[in-house]
């Protein structure tokens, strides 16, 4: 079993920045099995969508809507994944969820990001 604890959400004006963190803890074997770490988001009335992911080798992938503004990174020693969000827009407002994939997938509880115009 893996537990994910997210932090860093909040309210910011358009053009501002936020940094989300997600720390994984739990069974050491499950932790060591993690390969992909990702961030998803879900706005009210919309489906959950992939924002960014990073593989165990550092390969990254981003949604077109956040390319050039968001950066995903991971610290394997801390079992933590980060999402640096710059130039935030009102349409980035959503609940952001951390997701890690090892033998099975695990979701975080979500953290709210609100961007005002």
N, C-alpha and C. Protein backbone atom coordinates (compact mmCIF):
# COMPACT_ATOMS: atom_id res chain seq x y z
N UNK A 1 0.83 -1.20 0.00
CA UNK A 1 0.00 0.00 0.00
C UNK A 1 0.86 1.24 0.00
N UNK A 2 0.36 2.28 -0.70
CA UNK A 2 1.05 3.56 -0.78
C UNK A 2 0.07 4.66 -0.40
N UNK A 3 0.53 5.56 0.45
CA UNK A 3 -0.26 6.75 0.79
C UNK A 3 0.39 7.96 0.14
N UNK A 4 -0.46 8.83 -0.37
CA UNK A 4 0.01 10.04 -1.05
C UNK A 4 -0.53 11.26 -0.30
N UNK A 5 0.36 12.17 0.04
CA UNK A 5 -0.04 13.41 0.72
C UNK A 5 0.35 14.58 -0.15
N UNK A 6 -0.65 15.33 -0.57
CA UNK A 6 -0.43 16.49 -1.44
C UNK A 6 -0.43 17.77 -0.62
N UNK A 7 0.28 18.75 -1.11
CA UNK A 7 0.29 20.07 -0.49
C UNK A 7 0.63 21.11 -1.54
N UNK A 8 0.37 22.36 -1.20
CA UNK A 8 0.77 23.46 -2.06
C UNK A 8 -0.34 24.14 -2.82
N UNK A 9 -1.56 23.63 -2.74
CA UNK A 9 -2.66 24.29 -3.42
C UNK A 9 -3.01 25.60 -2.74
N UNK A 10 -3.90 26.35 -3.38
CA UNK A 10 -4.33 27.62 -2.81
C UNK A 10 -4.96 28.51 -3.85
N UNK A 11 -5.10 29.76 -3.49
CA UNK A 11 -5.70 30.76 -4.37
C UNK A 11 -4.64 31.75 -4.83
N UNK A 12 -4.69 32.10 -6.10
CA UNK A 12 -3.71 33.00 -6.66
C UNK A 12 -4.36 33.79 -7.78
N UNK A 13 -3.83 34.97 -8.05
CA UNK A 13 -4.33 35.75 -9.17
C UNK A 13 -3.71 35.26 -10.48
N UNK A 14 -4.39 35.54 -11.56
CA UNK A 14 -3.88 35.17 -12.88
C UNK A 14 -2.48 35.73 -13.08
N UNK A 15 -1.62 34.90 -13.64
CA UNK A 15 -0.23 35.27 -13.82
C UNK A 15 0.67 34.83 -12.70
N UNK A 16 0.07 34.38 -11.62
CA UNK A 16 0.85 33.96 -10.46
C UNK A 16 1.37 32.54 -10.59
N UNK A 17 2.01 32.09 -9.52
CA UNK A 17 2.63 30.76 -9.51
C UNK A 17 2.26 30.00 -8.25
N UNK A 18 2.24 28.69 -8.37
CA UNK A 18 2.08 27.79 -7.23
C UNK A 18 2.94 26.56 -7.48
N UNK A 19 3.34 25.91 -6.40
CA UNK A 19 4.10 24.67 -6.50
C UNK A 19 3.39 23.60 -5.68
N UNK A 20 2.98 22.55 -6.34
CA UNK A 20 2.35 21.42 -5.67
C UNK A 20 3.39 20.35 -5.37
N UNK A 21 3.20 19.70 -4.23
CA UNK A 21 4.06 18.58 -3.84
C UNK A 21 3.20 17.38 -3.51
N UNK A 22 3.74 16.21 -3.74
CA UNK A 22 3.04 14.97 -3.40
C UNK A 22 4.07 13.97 -2.92
N UNK A 23 3.97 13.62 -1.64
CA UNK A 23 4.92 12.70 -1.04
C UNK A 23 4.28 11.33 -0.86
N UNK A 24 5.00 10.31 -1.29
CA UNK A 24 4.52 8.93 -1.17
C UNK A 24 5.17 8.26 0.03
N UNK A 25 4.37 7.50 0.74
CA UNK A 25 4.88 6.73 1.87
C UNK A 25 4.12 5.41 1.95
N UNK A 26 4.66 4.48 2.74
CA UNK A 26 3.98 3.21 2.92
C UNK A 26 4.93 2.04 2.76
N UNK A 27 4.39 0.96 2.27
CA UNK A 27 5.14 -0.28 2.11
C UNK A 27 6.35 -0.07 1.20
N UNK A 28 7.53 -0.44 1.70
CA UNK A 28 8.76 -0.15 0.98
C UNK A 28 8.80 -0.84 -0.38
N UNK A 29 8.23 -2.00 -0.47
CA UNK A 29 8.23 -2.72 -1.75
C UNK A 29 7.32 -2.03 -2.76
N UNK A 30 6.18 -1.53 -2.26
CA UNK A 30 5.27 -0.81 -3.14
C UNK A 30 5.88 0.52 -3.57
N UNK A 31 6.59 1.19 -2.65
CA UNK A 31 7.25 2.44 -2.98
C UNK A 31 8.31 2.21 -4.06
N UNK A 32 9.11 1.18 -3.88
CA UNK A 32 10.19 0.92 -4.83
C UNK A 32 9.68 0.49 -6.20
N UNK A 33 8.41 0.06 -6.24
CA UNK A 33 7.83 -0.38 -7.52
C UNK A 33 7.29 0.79 -8.34
N UNK A 34 7.24 1.97 -7.73
CA UNK A 34 6.68 3.12 -8.45
C UNK A 34 7.55 3.48 -9.64
N UNK A 35 6.93 3.59 -10.83
CA UNK A 35 7.70 4.06 -11.98
C UNK A 35 7.17 5.42 -12.45
N UNK A 36 5.89 5.51 -12.75
CA UNK A 36 5.34 6.77 -13.26
C UNK A 36 4.69 7.57 -12.13
N UNK A 37 4.94 8.86 -12.13
CA UNK A 37 4.31 9.79 -11.19
C UNK A 37 3.66 10.89 -12.02
N UNK A 38 2.47 11.29 -11.63
CA UNK A 38 1.73 12.20 -12.49
C UNK A 38 0.84 13.12 -11.68
N UNK A 39 0.38 14.17 -12.33
CA UNK A 39 -0.64 15.07 -11.80
C UNK A 39 -1.81 15.09 -12.77
N UNK A 40 -3.00 14.98 -12.20
CA UNK A 40 -4.24 15.12 -12.94
C UNK A 40 -4.99 16.30 -12.33
N UNK A 41 -6.00 16.79 -13.03
CA UNK A 41 -6.86 17.81 -12.47
C UNK A 41 -8.30 17.59 -12.92
N UNK A 42 -9.20 18.09 -12.11
CA UNK A 42 -10.61 17.97 -12.42
C UNK A 42 -11.32 19.24 -12.03
N UNK A 43 -11.89 19.91 -13.02
CA UNK A 43 -12.68 21.12 -12.78
C UNK A 43 -14.14 20.71 -12.59
N UNK A 44 -14.92 21.54 -11.92
CA UNK A 44 -16.34 21.21 -11.70
C UNK A 44 -17.06 20.93 -13.01
N UNK A 45 -17.76 19.81 -13.06
CA UNK A 45 -18.53 19.47 -14.24
C UNK A 45 -17.72 18.91 -15.39
N UNK A 46 -16.43 18.71 -15.18
CA UNK A 46 -15.57 18.20 -16.24
C UNK A 46 -14.92 16.89 -15.82
N UNK A 47 -14.42 16.16 -16.81
CA UNK A 47 -13.72 14.92 -16.53
C UNK A 47 -12.32 15.19 -16.01
N UNK A 48 -11.81 14.26 -15.25
CA UNK A 48 -10.44 14.35 -14.77
C UNK A 48 -9.50 14.21 -15.98
N UNK A 49 -8.49 15.06 -16.04
CA UNK A 49 -7.58 15.06 -17.18
C UNK A 49 -6.13 15.04 -16.71
N UNK A 50 -5.29 14.42 -17.54
CA UNK A 50 -3.86 14.38 -17.24
C UNK A 50 -3.26 15.76 -17.47
N UNK A 51 -2.49 16.22 -16.49
CA UNK A 51 -1.78 17.49 -16.61
C UNK A 51 -0.33 17.23 -17.04
N UNK A 52 0.33 16.34 -16.31
CA UNK A 52 1.74 16.06 -16.61
C UNK A 52 2.14 14.75 -15.95
N UNK A 53 3.11 14.08 -16.54
CA UNK A 53 3.65 12.87 -15.93
C UNK A 53 5.16 12.83 -16.10
N UNK A 54 5.80 12.08 -15.22
CA UNK A 54 7.25 11.87 -15.30
C UNK A 54 7.53 10.41 -15.03
N UNK A 55 8.29 9.80 -15.92
CA UNK A 55 8.64 8.40 -15.77
C UNK A 55 9.85 8.23 -14.86
N UNK A 56 10.17 6.98 -14.58
CA UNK A 56 11.28 6.70 -13.68
C UNK A 56 12.61 7.18 -14.25
N UNK A 57 12.71 7.25 -15.57
CA UNK A 57 13.94 7.73 -16.20
C UNK A 57 13.97 9.21 -16.43
N UNK A 58 12.92 9.90 -15.98
CA UNK A 58 12.87 11.35 -16.12
C UNK A 58 12.11 11.84 -17.35
N UNK A 59 11.62 10.92 -18.14
CA UNK A 59 10.84 11.34 -19.32
C UNK A 59 9.56 12.03 -18.85
N UNK A 60 9.23 13.15 -19.48
CA UNK A 60 8.04 13.91 -19.10
C UNK A 60 7.08 14.05 -20.28
N UNK A 61 5.82 14.27 -19.91
CA UNK A 61 4.79 14.50 -20.91
C UNK A 61 3.81 15.49 -20.31
N UNK A 62 3.33 16.43 -21.14
CA UNK A 62 2.45 17.48 -20.65
C UNK A 62 1.20 17.60 -21.52
N UNK A 63 0.12 18.01 -20.90
CA UNK A 63 -1.05 18.40 -21.66
C UNK A 63 -0.70 19.65 -22.46
N UNK A 64 -1.27 19.76 -23.65
CA UNK A 64 -0.98 20.91 -24.49
C UNK A 64 -1.31 22.23 -23.78
N UNK A 65 -2.34 22.21 -22.96
CA UNK A 65 -2.81 23.44 -22.32
C UNK A 65 -1.83 23.98 -21.29
N UNK A 66 -0.88 23.17 -20.84
CA UNK A 66 0.05 23.63 -19.80
C UNK A 66 1.50 23.66 -20.26
N UNK A 67 1.76 23.23 -21.48
CA UNK A 67 3.13 23.22 -21.99
C UNK A 67 3.73 24.62 -21.95
N UNK A 68 4.95 24.71 -21.46
CA UNK A 68 5.63 25.99 -21.36
C UNK A 68 5.32 26.76 -20.10
N UNK A 69 4.32 26.32 -19.34
CA UNK A 69 3.93 27.02 -18.10
C UNK A 69 4.15 26.15 -16.86
N UNK A 70 3.91 24.86 -17.00
CA UNK A 70 4.04 23.93 -15.87
C UNK A 70 5.27 23.05 -16.06
N UNK A 71 5.89 22.69 -14.94
CA UNK A 71 7.03 21.78 -14.96
C UNK A 71 6.85 20.72 -13.89
N UNK A 72 6.92 19.45 -14.31
CA UNK A 72 6.84 18.35 -13.36
C UNK A 72 8.24 17.84 -13.09
N UNK A 73 8.49 17.47 -11.84
CA UNK A 73 9.78 16.91 -11.48
C UNK A 73 9.58 15.93 -10.33
N UNK A 74 10.60 15.12 -10.08
CA UNK A 74 10.50 14.15 -8.99
C UNK A 74 11.82 14.05 -8.27
N UNK A 75 11.72 13.75 -7.00
CA UNK A 75 12.88 13.50 -6.15
C UNK A 75 12.72 12.07 -5.64
N UNK A 76 13.43 11.16 -6.25
CA UNK A 76 13.25 9.75 -5.90
C UNK A 76 13.73 9.45 -4.48
N UNK A 77 14.70 10.19 -4.00
CA UNK A 77 15.19 9.97 -2.64
C UNK A 77 14.12 10.31 -1.61
N UNK A 78 13.24 11.25 -1.97
CA UNK A 78 12.17 11.67 -1.07
C UNK A 78 10.83 11.10 -1.47
N UNK A 79 10.81 10.30 -2.54
CA UNK A 79 9.55 9.71 -3.03
C UNK A 79 8.50 10.79 -3.24
N UNK A 80 8.92 11.89 -3.83
CA UNK A 80 8.06 13.05 -3.98
C UNK A 80 8.05 13.53 -5.43
N UNK A 81 6.87 13.95 -5.86
CA UNK A 81 6.71 14.55 -7.18
C UNK A 81 6.20 15.97 -7.00
N UNK A 82 6.68 16.85 -7.84
CA UNK A 82 6.34 18.27 -7.76
C UNK A 82 5.69 18.73 -9.06
N UNK A 83 4.90 19.78 -8.95
CA UNK A 83 4.36 20.44 -10.13
C UNK A 83 4.51 21.95 -9.92
N UNK A 84 5.45 22.53 -10.65
CA UNK A 84 5.63 23.97 -10.62
C UNK A 84 4.71 24.58 -11.66
N UNK A 85 3.82 25.44 -11.22
CA UNK A 85 2.83 26.05 -12.11
C UNK A 85 3.07 27.55 -12.18
N UNK A 86 3.44 28.03 -13.35
CA UNK A 86 3.68 29.44 -13.58
C UNK A 86 2.66 30.00 -14.56
N UNK A 87 2.56 31.31 -14.60
CA UNK A 87 1.64 31.98 -15.53
C UNK A 87 0.25 31.37 -15.46
N UNK A 88 -0.23 31.21 -14.25
CA UNK A 88 -1.52 30.55 -14.05
C UNK A 88 -2.65 31.36 -14.66
N UNK A 89 -3.64 30.62 -15.17
CA UNK A 89 -4.81 31.22 -15.81
C UNK A 89 -6.07 30.78 -15.06
N UNK A 90 -7.15 31.56 -15.17
CA UNK A 90 -8.40 31.14 -14.51
C UNK A 90 -8.84 29.73 -14.93
N UNK A 91 -8.57 29.35 -16.16
CA UNK A 91 -8.96 28.01 -16.62
C UNK A 91 -8.12 26.89 -16.00
N UNK A 92 -7.09 27.24 -15.25
CA UNK A 92 -6.33 26.22 -14.51
C UNK A 92 -7.01 25.88 -13.19
N UNK A 93 -8.06 26.60 -12.84
CA UNK A 93 -8.78 26.34 -11.59
C UNK A 93 -9.35 24.93 -11.61
N UNK A 94 -9.00 24.14 -10.60
CA UNK A 94 -9.43 22.75 -10.52
C UNK A 94 -8.91 22.13 -9.24
N UNK A 95 -9.40 20.94 -8.95
CA UNK A 95 -8.78 20.10 -7.93
C UNK A 95 -7.67 19.31 -8.61
N UNK A 96 -6.49 19.34 -8.04
CA UNK A 96 -5.33 18.66 -8.61
C UNK A 96 -5.04 17.41 -7.80
N UNK A 97 -4.86 16.30 -8.52
CA UNK A 97 -4.66 15.00 -7.89
C UNK A 97 -3.32 14.42 -8.31
N UNK A 98 -2.61 13.93 -7.33
CA UNK A 98 -1.39 13.19 -7.58
C UNK A 98 -1.74 11.74 -7.88
N UNK A 99 -0.99 11.13 -8.79
CA UNK A 99 -1.20 9.72 -9.14
C UNK A 99 0.16 9.06 -9.34
N UNK A 100 0.34 7.90 -8.73
CA UNK A 100 1.57 7.15 -8.94
C UNK A 100 1.21 5.74 -9.39
N UNK A 101 2.03 5.19 -10.25
CA UNK A 101 1.79 3.87 -10.81
C UNK A 101 3.00 2.98 -10.56
N UNK A 102 2.74 1.89 -9.86
CA UNK A 102 3.75 0.87 -9.66
C UNK A 102 3.14 -0.46 -10.04
N UNK A 103 3.04 -1.35 -9.08
CA UNK A 103 2.31 -2.60 -9.33
C UNK A 103 0.83 -2.30 -9.56
N UNK A 104 0.33 -1.32 -8.86
CA UNK A 104 -1.03 -0.80 -9.06
C UNK A 104 -0.94 0.71 -8.99
N UNK A 105 -2.06 1.38 -9.28
CA UNK A 105 -2.07 2.83 -9.22
C UNK A 105 -2.67 3.33 -7.92
N UNK A 106 -2.19 4.49 -7.49
CA UNK A 106 -2.67 5.12 -6.27
C UNK A 106 -2.98 6.59 -6.55
N UNK A 107 -4.04 7.08 -5.91
CA UNK A 107 -4.45 8.47 -6.04
C UNK A 107 -4.27 9.21 -4.72
N UNK A 108 -3.92 10.48 -4.82
CA UNK A 108 -3.93 11.35 -3.67
C UNK A 108 -5.34 11.87 -3.44
N UNK A 109 -5.52 12.61 -2.35
CA UNK A 109 -6.84 13.09 -1.98
C UNK A 109 -7.24 14.35 -2.73
N UNK A 110 -6.28 15.00 -3.36
CA UNK A 110 -6.57 16.20 -4.12
C UNK A 110 -6.28 17.47 -3.36
N UNK A 111 -5.87 18.49 -4.09
CA UNK A 111 -5.64 19.80 -3.50
C UNK A 111 -6.22 20.84 -4.46
N UNK A 112 -6.90 21.83 -3.91
CA UNK A 112 -7.61 22.80 -4.74
C UNK A 112 -6.69 23.92 -5.18
N UNK A 113 -6.77 24.25 -6.45
CA UNK A 113 -6.08 25.42 -7.01
C UNK A 113 -7.14 26.33 -7.62
N UNK A 114 -7.15 27.57 -7.16
CA UNK A 114 -8.12 28.54 -7.65
C UNK A 114 -7.37 29.75 -8.18
N UNK A 115 -7.62 30.08 -9.44
CA UNK A 115 -6.95 31.21 -10.09
C UNK A 115 -8.01 32.25 -10.44
N UNK A 116 -7.86 33.43 -9.90
CA UNK A 116 -8.82 34.50 -10.14
C UNK A 116 -8.29 35.47 -11.19
N UNK A 117 -9.21 36.04 -11.92
CA UNK A 117 -8.81 36.96 -13.00
C UNK A 117 -8.66 38.38 -12.49
